[in-house]
Amino acid sequence: MLGWSINLFRVFGIQLAVHASFFLLLAYYSYEGWKTGGISGLFWSLGLIVLFFVCVILHELGHSLTARRFGVRVPRILLLPIGGMAEFDRIPRKPSEELLITVAGPAVNFVLAGILLPFVWRTVFSESENESQSLALLGGQLCAANLGMGIFNLLPVFPMDGGRIFRALLALKLSYLRATYWAVMVGRILALAFAALAAFYFENPMLSVLFLFIFWAGAAEYRQTLRREEETSYWAEMAHRLNTVEPGAVEPPVPPLILHGPN
C-alpha cells in the first residue's frame, strides 16, 4: 500500500514522495471549493490544502534533520491524505536523542504559528475579518492548522510524537523493549477511544480512520522492535559461542524502515 507512491524531488537530500491517494484529497478539496466559490473558490481551496501540506513537510523535516544529527538515515518523506511520514532506518536508543527528534516536529509547527500569529490574530480569535477567500483568512487558517497540528501530535498515542515522548520517558527507567510495550499498549487504548469519539461524537470519519491507522501502526512498530531485540540477542550469542568478537559486536540484519508518523 505504501508502495503506491510518486517521487517528486529531494529536500536536503531526502526524497519527497506522495501516495497516489493524495491526489484524491486534492480533487475533493478542489471540488468543494468550486461548489462554494466557483473557479476562484477552487483555486483558493486548493491553495489552502497545498500550503497546509507544506507545513506538514516542514514538520517532517524537523524530525528528519534532527534525526540525521544523530546518524539516523532518512531515505524518504511520504505524504498521505492523513498526513506525512518520515522513514527512518532506526530510532536512537538514547531517550534524550529520541526526545529531541520527536519534539522537533511539533516545535516547527509552533514556530510557524508564532510567525503567522502577529499578522492574522484577528482572524484566528474572532470572526470580524473572516472574509471569504481573503488573504487574512488564509493566513489565519494556516496559523490555526499549525497550532492544531502541533497540539494533536503531542497526544500520547504511540507512534505519534506524544507517544514517542512517553516511550522515551519510560525508557529512562525501563528497558527499551518494555518501554515500547507499555507505550504501545497505552497508545492502542487511547487510539480506540479517540477513534470512537471522532466517529460518534464529532462525526468525523476521516479522523476516526486516522486513529485506527495509528492503532495498527503502533503494534507493527512493536513487532519490529521485538524482532530486532531477538536478532540482536541471537547474533550476540553466536558471536560469543564462536569466540571471534565481543558479544554484541555483530550487527543484526537491517530491519524494515520505521515510519515516523503520521502527522
C-alpha atoms as a PDB file:
ATOM      1  CA  MET A   1       0.000   0.000   0.000  1.00  0.00           C
ATOM      2  CA  LEU A   2       2.778   2.429   0.933  1.00  0.00           C
ATOM      3  CA  GLY A   3       4.494   1.498  -2.339  1.00  0.00           C
ATOM      4  CA  TRP A   4       1.852   3.269  -4.450  1.00  0.00           C
ATOM      5  CA  SER A   5       3.807   6.488  -4.391  1.00  0.00           C
ATOM      6  CA  ILE A   6       5.266   9.037  -6.798  1.00  0.00           C
ATOM      7  CA  ASN A   7       8.661  10.619  -6.202  1.00  0.00           C
ATOM      8  CA  LEU A   8       8.681  14.411  -6.522  1.00  0.00           C
ATOM      9  CA  PHE A   9      12.056  15.941  -5.613  1.00  0.00           C
ATOM     10  CA  ARG A  10      14.689  15.923  -2.880  1.00  0.00           C
ATOM     11  CA  VAL A  11      14.799  18.295   0.075  1.00  0.00           C
ATOM     12  CA  PHE A  12      18.145  18.371   1.927  1.00  0.00           C
ATOM     13  CA  GLY A  13      18.932  15.070   0.221  1.00  0.00           C
ATOM     14  CA  ILE A  14      15.686  13.428   1.432  1.00  0.00           C
ATOM     15  CA  GLN A  15      13.313  12.109  -1.215  1.00  0.00           C
ATOM     16  CA  LEU A  16       9.862  13.702  -1.055  1.00  0.00           C
ATOM     17  CA  ALA A  17       7.078  11.465  -2.364  1.00  0.00           C
ATOM     18  CA  VAL A  18       3.291  11.482  -2.472  1.00  0.00           C
ATOM     19  CA  HIS A  19       0.990   8.493  -2.210  1.00  0.00           C
ATOM     20  CA  ALA A  20      -1.330   8.066  -5.207  1.00  0.00           C
ATOM     21  CA  SER A  21      -4.374   8.543  -2.955  1.00  0.00           C
ATOM     22  CA  PHE A  22      -3.137  12.043  -2.103  1.00  0.00           C
ATOM     23  CA  PHE A  23      -4.468  13.306  -5.430  1.00  0.00           C
ATOM     24  CA  LEU A  24      -7.959  12.205  -4.412  1.00  0.00           C
ATOM     25  CA  LEU A  25      -7.679  14.589  -1.457  1.00  0.00           C
ATOM     26  CA  LEU A  26      -6.650  17.437  -3.772  1.00  0.00           C
ATOM     27  CA  ALA A  27      -9.568  16.649  -6.072  1.00  0.00           C
ATOM     28  CA  TYR A  28     -12.005  16.589  -3.156  1.00  0.00           C
ATOM     29  CA  TYR A  29     -10.921  19.988  -1.812  1.00  0.00           C
ATOM     30  CA  SER A  30     -10.902  21.469  -5.326  1.00  0.00           C
ATOM     31  CA  TYR A  31     -14.470  20.276  -5.874  1.00  0.00           C
ATOM     32  CA  GLU A  32     -15.656  21.613  -2.508  1.00  0.00           C
ATOM     33  CA  GLY A  33     -14.052  24.971  -3.255  1.00  0.00           C
ATOM     34  CA  TRP A  34     -15.672  25.100  -6.697  1.00  0.00           C
ATOM     35  CA  LYS A  35     -19.117  24.316  -5.227  1.00  0.00           C
ATOM     36  CA  THR A  36     -18.937  27.229  -2.791  1.00  0.00           C
ATOM     37  CA  GLY A  37     -16.977  29.821  -4.797  1.00  0.00           C
ATOM     38  CA  GLY A  38     -16.658  28.800  -8.421  1.00  0.00           C
ATOM     39  CA  ILE A  39     -13.250  28.947 -10.115  1.00  0.00           C
ATOM     40  CA  SER A  40     -11.811  31.343  -7.536  1.00  0.00           C
ATOM     41  CA  GLY A  41     -13.084  29.108  -4.737  1.00  0.00           C
ATOM     42  CA  LEU A  42     -11.472  26.089  -6.412  1.00  0.00           C
ATOM     43  CA  PHE A  43      -8.035  27.724  -6.523  1.00  0.00           C
ATOM     44  CA  TRP A  44      -8.379  29.179  -3.006  1.00  0.00           C
ATOM     45  CA  SER A  45      -9.324  25.810  -1.511  1.00  0.00           C
ATOM     46  CA  LEU A  46      -6.606  24.011  -3.477  1.00  0.00           C
ATOM     47  CA  GLY A  47      -4.041  26.592  -2.389  1.00  0.00           C
ATOM     48  CA  LEU A  48      -5.047  26.187   1.247  1.00  0.00           C
ATOM     49  CA  ILE A  49      -4.623  22.397   1.251  1.00  0.00           C
ATOM     50  CA  VAL A  50      -1.289  22.638  -0.619  1.00  0.00           C
ATOM     51  CA  LEU A  51       0.046  25.191   1.875  1.00  0.00           C
ATOM     52  CA  PHE A  52      -1.179  23.020   4.748  1.00  0.00           C
ATOM     53  CA  PHE A  53       0.849  20.102   3.422  1.00  0.00           C
ATOM     54  CA  VAL A  54       3.865  22.368   3.010  1.00  0.00           C
ATOM     55  CA  CYS A  55       3.586  22.805   6.782  1.00  0.00           C
ATOM     56  CA  VAL A  56       3.347  19.012   7.116  1.00  0.00           C
ATOM     57  CA  ILE A  57       6.578  18.679   5.110  1.00  0.00           C
ATOM     58  CA  LEU A  58       8.306  21.217   7.359  1.00  0.00           C
ATOM     59  CA  HIS A  59       7.089  19.257  10.397  1.00  0.00           C
ATOM     60  CA  GLU A  60       8.614  16.057   8.989  1.00  0.00           C
ATOM     61  CA  LEU A  61      11.835  17.876   8.086  1.00  0.00           C
ATOM     62  CA  GLY A  62      12.063  18.959  11.724  1.00  0.00           C
ATOM     63  CA  HIS A  63      12.097  15.285  12.716  1.00  0.00           C
ATOM     64  CA  SER A  64      14.318  14.205   9.835  1.00  0.00           C
ATOM     65  CA  LEU A  65      17.083  16.799  10.043  1.00  0.00           C
ATOM     66  CA  THR A  66      17.323  16.346  13.819  1.00  0.00           C
ATOM     67  CA  ALA A  67      17.482  12.566  13.353  1.00  0.00           C
ATOM     68  CA  ARG A  68      20.334  12.915  10.854  1.00  0.00           C
ATOM     69  CA  ARG A  69      22.305  14.807  13.508  1.00  0.00           C
ATOM     70  CA  PHE A  70      22.336  11.523  15.451  1.00  0.00           C
ATOM     71  CA  GLY A  71      23.381   9.389  12.482  1.00  0.00           C
ATOM     72  CA  VAL A  72      19.907   8.175  11.522  1.00  0.00           C
ATOM     73  CA  ARG A  73      19.371   7.608   7.802  1.00  0.00           C
ATOM     74  CA  VAL A  74      16.175   9.204   6.431  1.00  0.00           C
ATOM     75  CA  PRO A  75      15.546   7.965   2.871  1.00  0.00           C
ATOM     76  CA  ARG A  76      12.107   9.433   2.288  1.00  0.00           C
ATOM     77  CA  ILE A  77       9.239  11.632   3.449  1.00  0.00           C
ATOM     78  CA  LEU A  78       5.900  10.324   2.194  1.00  0.00           C
ATOM     79  CA  LEU A  79       2.738  12.445   2.002  1.00  0.00           C
ATOM     80  CA  LEU A  80      -0.585  10.682   2.546  1.00  0.00           C
ATOM     81  CA  PRO A  81      -4.131  12.050   2.799  1.00  0.00           C
ATOM     82  CA  ILE A  82      -3.886  11.533   6.573  1.00  0.00           C
ATOM     83  CA  GLY A  83      -0.580  13.410   6.921  1.00  0.00           C
ATOM     84  CA  GLY A  84       3.121  12.837   6.431  1.00  0.00           C
ATOM     85  CA  MET A  85       5.578  10.085   7.320  1.00  0.00           C
ATOM     86  CA  ALA A  86       9.351  10.255   7.604  1.00  0.00           C
ATOM     87  CA  GLU A  87      11.025   6.877   7.049  1.00  0.00           C
ATOM     88  CA  PHE A  88      13.914   6.199   9.476  1.00  0.00           C
ATOM     89  CA  ASP A  89      16.272   3.251   9.338  1.00  0.00           C
ATOM     90  CA  ARG A  90      16.301   3.197  13.148  1.00  0.00           C
ATOM     91  CA  ILE A  91      15.279   5.096  16.261  1.00  0.00           C
ATOM     92  CA  PRO A  92      18.130   6.044  18.642  1.00  0.00           C
ATOM     93  CA  ARG A  93      18.050   4.041  21.863  1.00  0.00           C
ATOM     94  CA  LYS A  94      19.155   7.002  23.976  1.00  0.00           C
ATOM     95  CA  PRO A  95      15.975   8.580  25.417  1.00  0.00           C
ATOM     96  CA  SER A  96      17.477  12.078  25.167  1.00  0.00           C
ATOM     97  CA  GLU A  97      18.105  11.665  21.427  1.00  0.00           C
ATOM     98  CA  GLU A  98      14.634  10.284  20.755  1.00  0.00           C
ATOM     99  CA  LEU A  99      13.112  13.154  22.745  1.00  0.00           C
ATOM    100  CA  LEU A 100      14.941  15.763  20.676  1.00  0.00           C
ATOM    101  CA  ILE A 101      13.998  14.099  17.381  1.00  0.00           C
ATOM    102  CA  THR A 102      10.359  13.801  18.422  1.00  0.00           C
ATOM    103  CA  VAL A 103       9.930  17.289  19.848  1.00  0.00           C
ATOM    104  CA  ALA A 104      11.480  18.873  16.738  1.00  0.00           C
ATOM    105  CA  GLY A 105       8.378  18.201  14.608  1.00  0.00           C
ATOM    106  CA  PRO A 106       5.730  19.935  16.765  1.00  0.00           C
ATOM    107  CA  ALA A 107       8.272  22.672  17.552  1.00  0.00           C
ATOM    108  CA  VAL A 108       8.342  23.581  13.853  1.00  0.00           C
ATOM    109  CA  ASN A 109       4.546  23.949  13.863  1.00  0.00           C
ATOM    110  CA  PHE A 110       4.571  26.166  16.947  1.00  0.00           C
ATOM    111  CA  VAL A 111       7.284  28.347  15.388  1.00  0.00           C
ATOM    112  CA  LEU A 112       5.269  28.687  12.163  1.00  0.00           C
ATOM    113  CA  ALA A 113       2.135  29.570  14.155  1.00  0.00           C
ATOM    114  CA  GLY A 114       4.140  32.115  16.144  1.00  0.00           C
ATOM    115  CA  ILE A 115       5.415  33.747  12.943  1.00  0.00           C
ATOM    116  CA  LEU A 116       1.901  33.994  11.460  1.00  0.00           C
ATOM    117  CA  LEU A 117       0.020  34.985  14.606  1.00  0.00           C
ATOM    118  CA  PRO A 118       1.044  38.688  14.802  1.00  0.00           C
ATOM    119  CA  PHE A 119      -0.316  39.226  11.281  1.00  0.00           C
ATOM    120  CA  VAL A 120      -3.522  37.161  11.440  1.00  0.00           C
ATOM    121  CA  TRP A 121      -4.526  37.018  15.113  1.00  0.00           C
ATOM    122  CA  ARG A 122      -7.862  38.724  14.457  1.00  0.00           C
ATOM    123  CA  THR A 123      -8.938  36.023  12.012  1.00  0.00           C
ATOM    124  CA  VAL A 124      -7.809  33.300  14.441  1.00  0.00           C
ATOM    125  CA  PHE A 125      -9.593  34.632  17.545  1.00  0.00           C
ATOM    126  CA  SER A 126     -12.576  36.458  16.039  1.00  0.00           C
ATOM    127  CA  GLU A 127     -14.861  36.333  13.041  1.00  0.00           C
ATOM    128  CA  SER A 128     -14.972  40.062  12.359  1.00  0.00           C
ATOM    129  CA  GLU A 129     -12.472  39.882   9.485  1.00  0.00           C
ATOM    130  CA  ASN A 130     -13.139  36.369   8.233  1.00  0.00           C
ATOM    131  CA  GLU A 131     -13.955  37.448   4.678  1.00  0.00           C
ATOM    132  CA  SER A 132     -14.402  34.583   2.269  1.00  0.00           C
ATOM    133  CA  GLN A 133     -11.259  33.768   0.253  1.00  0.00           C
ATOM    134  CA  SER A 134      -9.300  36.629   1.804  1.00  0.00           C
ATOM    135  CA  LEU A 135      -5.556  36.511   2.347  1.00  0.00           C
ATOM    136  CA  ALA A 136      -6.161  37.215   6.050  1.00  0.00           C
ATOM    137  CA  LEU A 137      -8.432  34.182   6.306  1.00  0.00           C
ATOM    138  CA  LEU A 138      -5.873  32.015   4.512  1.00  0.00           C
ATOM    139  CA  GLY A 139      -3.140  33.056   6.957  1.00  0.00           C
ATOM    140  CA  GLY A 140      -5.474  32.629   9.921  1.00  0.00           C
ATOM    141  CA  GLN A 141      -6.415  29.111   8.887  1.00  0.00           C
ATOM    142  CA  LEU A 142      -2.762  28.162   8.375  1.00  0.00           C
ATOM    143  CA  CYS A 143      -1.912  29.590  11.795  1.00  0.00           C
ATOM    144  CA  ALA A 144      -4.749  27.631  13.427  1.00  0.00           C
ATOM    145  CA  ALA A 145      -3.775  24.498  11.474  1.00  0.00           C
ATOM    146  CA  ASN A 146      -0.180  24.668  12.739  1.00  0.00           C
ATOM    147  CA  LEU A 147      -1.345  25.139  16.320  1.00  0.00           C
ATOM    148  CA  GLY A 148      -3.714  22.208  15.912  1.00  0.00           C
ATOM    149  CA  MET A 149      -1.059  20.030  14.266  1.00  0.00           C
ATOM    150  CA  GLY A 150       1.455  20.729  16.999  1.00  0.00           C
ATOM    151  CA  ILE A 151      -1.002  20.023  19.830  1.00  0.00           C
ATOM    152  CA  PHE A 152      -2.568  16.995  18.108  1.00  0.00           C
ATOM    153  CA  ASN A 153       0.809  15.323  17.594  1.00  0.00           C
ATOM    154  CA  LEU A 154       1.586  15.613  21.308  1.00  0.00           C
ATOM    155  CA  LEU A 155      -1.270  13.258  22.211  1.00  0.00           C
ATOM    156  CA  PRO A 156       0.318  10.264  23.996  1.00  0.00           C
ATOM    157  CA  VAL A 157      -0.762   7.794  21.306  1.00  0.00           C
ATOM    158  CA  PHE A 158       2.184   5.764  20.010  1.00  0.00           C
ATOM    159  CA  PRO A 159       3.656   6.068  17.374  1.00  0.00           C
ATOM    160  CA  MET A 160       2.566   9.714  17.267  1.00  0.00           C
ATOM    161  CA  ASP A 161       5.015  12.232  18.688  1.00  0.00           C
ATOM    162  CA  GLY A 162       3.379  12.303  22.119  1.00  0.00           C
ATOM    163  CA  GLY A 163       3.557   8.507  22.290  1.00  0.00           C
ATOM    164  CA  ARG A 164       7.245   8.552  21.384  1.00  0.00           C
ATOM    165  CA  ILE A 165       7.901  11.137  24.076  1.00  0.00           C
ATOM    166  CA  PHE A 166       6.076   8.844  26.515  1.00  0.00           C
ATOM    167  CA  ARG A 167       8.236   5.885  25.368  1.00  0.00           C
ATOM    168  CA  ALA A 168      11.438   7.914  25.781  1.00  0.00           C
ATOM    169  CA  LEU A 169      10.448   8.898  29.331  1.00  0.00           C
ATOM    170  CA  LEU A 170       9.602   5.274  30.192  1.00  0.00           C
ATOM    171  CA  ALA A 171      12.980   4.192  28.767  1.00  0.00           C
ATOM    172  CA  LEU A 172      14.691   6.237  31.471  1.00  0.00           C
ATOM    173  CA  LYS A 173      13.514   3.591  33.970  1.00  0.00           C
ATOM    174  CA  LEU A 174      12.627   0.525  31.868  1.00  0.00           C
ATOM    175  CA  SER A 175      14.358  -1.440  29.135  1.00  0.00           C
ATOM    176  CA  TYR A 176      13.766  -0.131  25.628  1.00  0.00           C
ATOM    177  CA  LEU A 177      11.555  -3.109  24.739  1.00  0.00           C
ATOM    178  CA  ARG A 178       9.386  -2.812  27.884  1.00  0.00           C
ATOM    179  CA  ALA A 179       9.112   0.937  27.406  1.00  0.00           C
ATOM    180  CA  THR A 180       7.928   0.337  23.829  1.00  0.00           C
ATOM    181  CA  TYR A 181       5.445  -2.296  25.004  1.00  0.00           C
ATOM    182  CA  TRP A 182       3.789  -0.012  27.553  1.00  0.00           C
ATOM    183  CA  ALA A 183       3.797   2.975  25.220  1.00  0.00           C
ATOM    184  CA  VAL A 184       2.076   0.854  22.565  1.00  0.00           C
ATOM    185  CA  MET A 185      -0.474  -0.610  25.000  1.00  0.00           C
ATOM    186  CA  VAL A 186      -1.449   2.830  26.347  1.00  0.00           C
ATOM    187  CA  GLY A 187      -1.459   4.226  22.817  1.00  0.00           C
ATOM    188  CA  ARG A 188      -3.746   1.472  21.474  1.00  0.00           C
ATOM    189  CA  ILE A 189      -6.295   2.045  24.230  1.00  0.00           C
ATOM    190  CA  LEU A 190      -6.262   5.785  23.596  1.00  0.00           C
ATOM    191  CA  ALA A 191      -6.370   5.303  19.812  1.00  0.00           C
ATOM    192  CA  LEU A 192      -9.562   3.230  20.074  1.00  0.00           C
ATOM    193  CA  ALA A 193     -11.085   5.731  22.492  1.00  0.00           C
ATOM    194  CA  PHE A 194     -10.258   8.680  20.219  1.00  0.00           C
ATOM    195  CA  ALA A 195     -11.481   6.784  17.142  1.00  0.00           C
ATOM    196  CA  ALA A 196     -14.861   6.172  18.823  1.00  0.00           C
ATOM    197  CA  LEU A 197     -15.017   9.790  19.992  1.00  0.00           C
ATOM    198  CA  ALA A 198     -14.258  11.065  16.482  1.00  0.00           C
ATOM    199  CA  ALA A 199     -16.845   8.786  14.877  1.00  0.00           C
ATOM    200  CA  PHE A 200     -19.775   9.114  17.260  1.00  0.00           C
ATOM    201  CA  TYR A 201     -19.340  12.490  18.964  1.00  0.00           C
ATOM    202  CA  PHE A 202     -17.580  14.680  16.397  1.00  0.00           C
ATOM    203  CA  GLU A 203     -18.977  12.670  13.439  1.00  0.00           C
ATOM    204  CA  ASN A 204     -15.596  12.861  11.717  1.00  0.00           C
ATOM    205  CA  PRO A 205     -14.944   9.541   9.920  1.00  0.00           C
ATOM    206  CA  MET A 206     -11.596  10.734   8.498  1.00  0.00           C
ATOM    207  CA  LEU A 207     -10.224  11.393  11.976  1.00  0.00           C
ATOM    208  CA  SER A 208     -11.587   8.062  13.167  1.00  0.00           C
ATOM    209  CA  VAL A 209      -9.786   6.257  10.323  1.00  0.00           C
ATOM    210  CA  LEU A 210      -6.585   8.090  11.247  1.00  0.00           C
ATOM    211  CA  PHE A 211      -6.716   6.799  14.822  1.00  0.00           C
ATOM    212  CA  LEU A 212      -7.445   3.264  13.604  1.00  0.00           C
ATOM    213  CA  PHE A 213      -4.362   3.501  11.378  1.00  0.00           C
ATOM    214  CA  ILE A 214      -2.348   4.681  14.388  1.00  0.00           C
ATOM    215  CA  PHE A 215      -3.708   1.689  16.349  1.00  0.00           C
ATOM    216  CA  TRP A 216      -2.304  -0.630  13.674  1.00  0.00           C
ATOM    217  CA  ALA A 217       0.987   1.271  13.244  1.00  0.00           C
ATOM    218  CA  GLY A 218       1.834   1.116  16.958  1.00  0.00           C
ATOM    219  CA  ALA A 219       1.502  -2.668  17.040  1.00  0.00           C
ATOM    220  CA  ALA A 220       3.537  -3.000  13.829  1.00  0.00           C
ATOM    221  CA  GLU A 221       6.408  -0.962  15.256  1.00  0.00           C
ATOM    222  CA  TYR A 222       6.397  -3.003  18.475  1.00  0.00           C
ATOM    223  CA  ARG A 223       6.762  -6.175  16.405  1.00  0.00           C
ATOM    224  CA  GLN A 224       9.724  -4.606  14.578  1.00  0.00           C
ATOM    225  CA  THR A 225      11.319  -3.642  17.892  1.00  0.00           C
ATOM    226  CA  LEU A 226      10.773  -7.127  19.318  1.00  0.00           C
ATOM    227  CA  ARG A 227      12.243  -8.757  16.197  1.00  0.00           C
ATOM    228  CA  ARG A 228      15.304  -6.501  16.322  1.00  0.00           C
ATOM    229  CA  GLU A 229      15.832  -7.333  20.003  1.00  0.00           C
ATOM    230  CA  GLU A 230      15.622 -11.057  19.235  1.00  0.00           C
ATOM    231  CA  GLU A 231      18.044 -10.719  16.304  1.00  0.00           C
ATOM    232  CA  THR A 232      20.497  -8.714  18.408  1.00  0.00           C
ATOM    233  CA  SER A 233      20.400 -11.348  21.153  1.00  0.00           C
ATOM    234  CA  TYR A 234      20.828 -14.147  18.604  1.00  0.00           C
ATOM    235  CA  TRP A 235      23.867 -12.608  16.909  1.00  0.00           C
ATOM    236  CA  ALA A 236      25.439 -11.683  20.224  1.00  0.00           C
ATOM    237  CA  GLU A 237      25.064 -15.288  21.385  1.00  0.00           C
ATOM    238  CA  MET A 238      26.506 -16.614  18.108  1.00  0.00           C
ATOM    239  CA  ALA A 239      29.486 -14.261  18.402  1.00  0.00           C
ATOM    240  CA  HIS A 240      30.028 -15.375  21.984  1.00  0.00           C
ATOM    241  CA  ARG A 241      29.945 -19.053  21.011  1.00  0.00           C
ATOM    242  CA  LEU A 242      32.324 -18.581  18.116  1.00  0.00           C
ATOM    243  CA  ASN A 243      34.563 -16.520  20.403  1.00  0.00           C
ATOM    244  CA  THR A 244      35.634 -14.371  17.479  1.00  0.00           C
ATOM    245  CA  VAL A 245      34.312 -10.990  18.564  1.00  0.00           C
ATOM    246  CA  GLU A 246      32.944  -9.458  21.703  1.00  0.00           C
ATOM    247  CA  PRO A 247      29.260 -10.201  22.444  1.00  0.00           C
ATOM    248  CA  GLY A 248      27.013  -7.647  20.839  1.00  0.00           C
ATOM    249  CA  ALA A 249      29.614  -6.515  18.294  1.00  0.00           C
ATOM    250  CA  VAL A 250      27.987  -8.286  15.364  1.00  0.00           C
ATOM    251  CA  GLU A 251      25.278  -6.225  13.720  1.00  0.00           C
ATOM    252  CA  PRO A 252      21.973  -7.983  13.047  1.00  0.00           C
ATOM    253  CA  PRO A 253      20.353  -7.805   9.615  1.00  0.00           C
ATOM    254  CA  VAL A 254      18.911  -4.387   8.807  1.00  0.00           C
ATOM    255  CA  PRO A 255      15.231  -4.302   9.875  1.00  0.00           C
ATOM    256  CA  PRO A 256      12.437  -2.674   7.861  1.00  0.00           C
ATOM    257  CA  LEU A 257      12.289   1.114   7.853  1.00  0.00           C
ATOM    258  CA  ILE A 258      10.484   2.721  10.776  1.00  0.00           C
ATOM    259  CA  LEU A 259       7.665   5.080   9.878  1.00  0.00           C
ATOM    260  CA  HIS A 260       7.844   8.216  11.987  1.00  0.00           C
ATOM    261  CA  GLY A 261       4.269   9.471  11.705  1.00  0.00           C
ATOM    262  CA  PRO A 262       1.581  10.107  10.668  1.00  0.00           C
ATOM    263  CA  ASN A 263       1.433  13.851  11.328  1.00  0.00           C
END
